[in-house]
């Protein structure tokens, strides 16, 4: 019986490696080489970071103000939806609404932590069905850097994604 046919007799997978029993007649390099390989590579295979799948969270700040004082309807994203399908099924579940008084010297702001602000960071403010044109302004900052700003007579949307 040859060396390779013996190897196939009983193999065990261990951490992606194949472990085989040693037999008499194995070449010396097979015994030493395997032990040396496991001594060097074994700890690398076994150890892994505990939270490698956890995404890094980004500090997101939303701000809304206006040239004239009014009560704004403000929608914002305070959590990352698990996927697009869940979001599109019920976007309001992931986009809470608040009513806030904004105007000159009166700013609404909120700070949240998001894993993927490029995809999900968003704030929108509107004067709704009011005939007033308060000149709404919004701002979106990620990790301390303003990445989007917008203004409009009755509302504004700030997002990194094109909706």
Protein backbone atom coordinates (compact mmCIF):
# COMPACT_ATOMS: atom_id res chain seq x y z
CA UNK A 1 0.00 0.00 0.00
CA UNK A 2 1.47 3.37 -1.04
CA UNK A 3 1.74 6.56 0.99
CA UNK A 4 -1.14 8.38 -0.74
CA UNK A 5 -3.56 5.50 -0.45
CA UNK A 6 -2.93 5.41 3.32
CA UNK A 7 -3.62 9.14 3.55
CA UNK A 8 -7.07 8.64 2.07
CA UNK A 9 -7.96 5.97 4.62
CA UNK A 10 -8.80 8.31 7.49
CA UNK A 11 -8.74 12.04 7.14
CA UNK A 12 -10.22 14.60 9.48
CA UNK A 13 -10.89 18.25 8.64
CA UNK A 14 -9.69 20.65 11.32
CA UNK A 15 -9.98 24.39 10.78
CA UNK A 16 -9.79 24.00 7.00
CA UNK A 17 -6.76 21.67 7.18
CA UNK A 18 -6.74 17.94 6.61
CA UNK A 19 -5.32 15.96 9.52
CA UNK A 20 -4.17 12.43 8.81
CA UNK A 21 -2.87 9.76 11.15
CA UNK A 22 0.87 9.12 11.00
CA UNK A 23 1.98 5.71 9.84
CA UNK A 24 5.31 4.02 9.95
CA UNK A 25 7.08 4.52 6.74
CA UNK A 26 5.92 8.13 6.30
CA UNK A 27 8.71 10.31 5.03
CA UNK A 28 10.39 12.30 7.86
CA UNK A 29 9.49 15.61 6.22
CA UNK A 30 5.81 14.68 6.38
CA UNK A 31 5.97 14.37 10.16
CA UNK A 32 8.13 17.42 10.82
CA UNK A 33 6.59 19.59 8.11
CA UNK A 34 3.03 18.95 9.32
CA UNK A 35 3.90 19.72 12.92
CA UNK A 36 5.75 22.89 11.95
CA UNK A 37 2.90 24.00 9.73
CA UNK A 38 0.32 23.54 12.50
CA UNK A 39 2.56 25.32 15.01
CA UNK A 40 2.82 28.37 12.75
CA UNK A 41 -0.56 28.44 11.00
CA UNK A 42 -2.76 26.83 13.69
CA UNK A 43 -3.05 29.91 15.95
CA UNK A 44 -3.87 32.07 12.95
CA UNK A 45 -6.72 29.81 11.90
CA UNK A 46 -8.18 29.43 15.38
CA UNK A 47 -8.04 33.08 16.47
CA UNK A 48 -10.38 35.58 14.87
CA UNK A 49 -11.66 39.00 15.93
CA UNK A 50 -14.74 38.71 18.11
CA UNK A 51 -16.80 41.39 16.35
CA UNK A 52 -15.52 41.31 12.78
CA UNK A 53 -19.08 41.48 11.41
CA UNK A 54 -20.06 44.57 13.40
CA UNK A 55 -20.00 47.61 11.10
CA UNK A 56 -18.37 50.81 12.29
CA UNK A 57 -20.99 53.35 13.33
CA UNK A 58 -20.87 56.94 12.05
CA UNK A 59 -21.98 60.01 13.97
CA UNK A 60 -24.76 61.72 11.96
CA UNK A 61 -26.19 65.15 12.81
CA UNK A 62 -29.40 66.47 11.23
CA UNK A 63 -30.34 70.18 11.45
CA UNK A 64 -33.38 72.12 10.23
CA UNK A 65 -34.05 75.84 10.41
CA UNK A 66 -36.06 78.43 8.44
CA UNK A 67 -36.09 82.12 7.59
CA UNK A 68 -39.60 82.50 9.09
CA UNK A 69 -40.82 80.80 12.25
CA UNK A 70 -43.22 77.90 11.67
CA UNK A 71 -43.98 74.36 12.82
CA UNK A 72 -42.20 71.95 10.49
CA UNK A 73 -42.99 68.32 9.76
CA UNK A 74 -39.56 66.66 9.95
CA UNK A 75 -38.82 63.12 8.82
CA UNK A 76 -35.43 61.58 9.56
CA UNK A 77 -33.67 58.22 9.60
CA UNK A 78 -32.42 57.18 13.03
CA UNK A 79 -31.62 53.51 12.33
CA UNK A 80 -30.23 51.56 9.39
CA UNK A 81 -32.94 49.36 7.87
CA UNK A 82 -31.73 45.77 7.58
CA UNK A 83 -32.19 45.85 3.79
CA UNK A 84 -33.94 47.71 0.99
CA UNK A 85 -36.91 45.31 0.90
CA UNK A 86 -37.75 45.94 4.55
CA UNK A 87 -37.39 49.68 4.06
CA UNK A 88 -39.52 49.86 0.92
CA UNK A 89 -42.23 47.69 2.52
CA UNK A 90 -42.76 50.30 5.26
CA UNK A 91 -40.48 53.36 5.00
CA UNK A 92 -42.24 55.18 7.86
CA UNK A 93 -41.15 52.43 10.25
CA UNK A 94 -37.57 53.60 9.64
CA UNK A 95 -38.36 57.32 9.17
CA UNK A 96 -39.95 58.80 12.28
CA UNK A 97 -41.74 62.15 12.05
CA UNK A 98 -41.62 64.99 14.54
CA UNK A 99 -43.26 68.39 14.53
CA UNK A 100 -40.86 71.11 15.63
CA UNK A 101 -40.91 74.86 15.82
CA UNK A 102 -38.08 76.25 13.66
CA UNK A 103 -37.15 79.71 12.49
CA UNK A 104 -34.49 82.39 12.84
CA UNK A 105 -32.50 81.48 15.94
CA UNK A 106 -34.59 78.33 16.50
CA UNK A 107 -32.92 75.24 15.10
CA UNK A 108 -34.08 71.64 15.33
CA UNK A 109 -31.22 69.15 15.46
CA UNK A 110 -30.78 65.46 16.18
CA UNK A 111 -27.70 63.26 16.48
CA UNK A 112 -27.85 59.56 15.61
CA UNK A 113 -25.42 56.73 14.88
CA UNK A 114 -25.72 54.93 11.52
CA UNK A 115 -23.67 52.10 10.03
CA UNK A 116 -24.22 53.21 6.41
CA UNK A 117 -24.99 56.94 6.19
CA UNK A 118 -24.18 56.91 2.46
CA UNK A 119 -27.24 54.71 2.00
CA UNK A 120 -29.58 55.71 4.83
CA UNK A 121 -28.84 59.17 6.31
CA UNK A 122 -31.75 61.50 5.47
CA UNK A 123 -33.66 64.44 6.89
CA UNK A 124 -36.61 66.12 5.19
CA UNK A 125 -38.59 69.10 6.46
CA UNK A 126 -41.75 70.61 5.05
CA UNK A 127 -44.34 73.24 5.85
CA UNK A 128 -46.97 70.74 4.71
CA UNK A 129 -50.24 72.13 3.39
CA UNK A 130 -49.64 75.57 4.84
CA UNK A 131 -49.71 78.44 2.35
CA UNK A 132 -46.67 79.95 4.11
CA UNK A 133 -43.25 79.87 2.44
CA UNK A 134 -40.88 79.87 5.42
CA UNK A 135 -37.70 79.18 3.40
CA UNK A 136 -36.74 75.86 4.99
CA UNK A 137 -33.05 74.91 5.28
CA UNK A 138 -31.60 71.51 6.21
CA UNK A 139 -28.11 70.25 6.88
CA UNK A 140 -26.63 66.76 7.19
CA UNK A 141 -23.22 66.13 8.78
CA UNK A 142 -21.40 62.79 9.02
CA UNK A 143 -18.54 62.39 11.49
CA UNK A 144 -18.39 66.16 11.95
CA UNK A 145 -18.29 67.07 8.24
CA UNK A 146 -21.26 68.70 6.51
CA UNK A 147 -21.95 66.45 3.52
CA UNK A 148 -25.33 67.81 2.36
CA UNK A 149 -27.27 71.05 2.66
CA UNK A 150 -30.42 72.13 0.89
CA UNK A 151 -33.08 74.84 1.02
CA UNK A 152 -36.50 75.46 -0.46
CA UNK A 153 -39.46 77.80 -0.03
CA UNK A 154 -41.76 75.14 1.52
CA UNK A 155 -39.39 72.28 2.30
CA UNK A 156 -35.95 70.74 1.94
CA UNK A 157 -34.38 67.28 1.71
CA UNK A 158 -30.83 66.49 2.80
CA UNK A 159 -29.43 63.10 1.89
CA UNK A 160 -26.34 61.55 0.35
CA UNK A 161 -28.50 59.19 -1.67
CA UNK A 162 -30.54 60.37 -4.65
CA UNK A 163 -34.14 59.54 -3.87
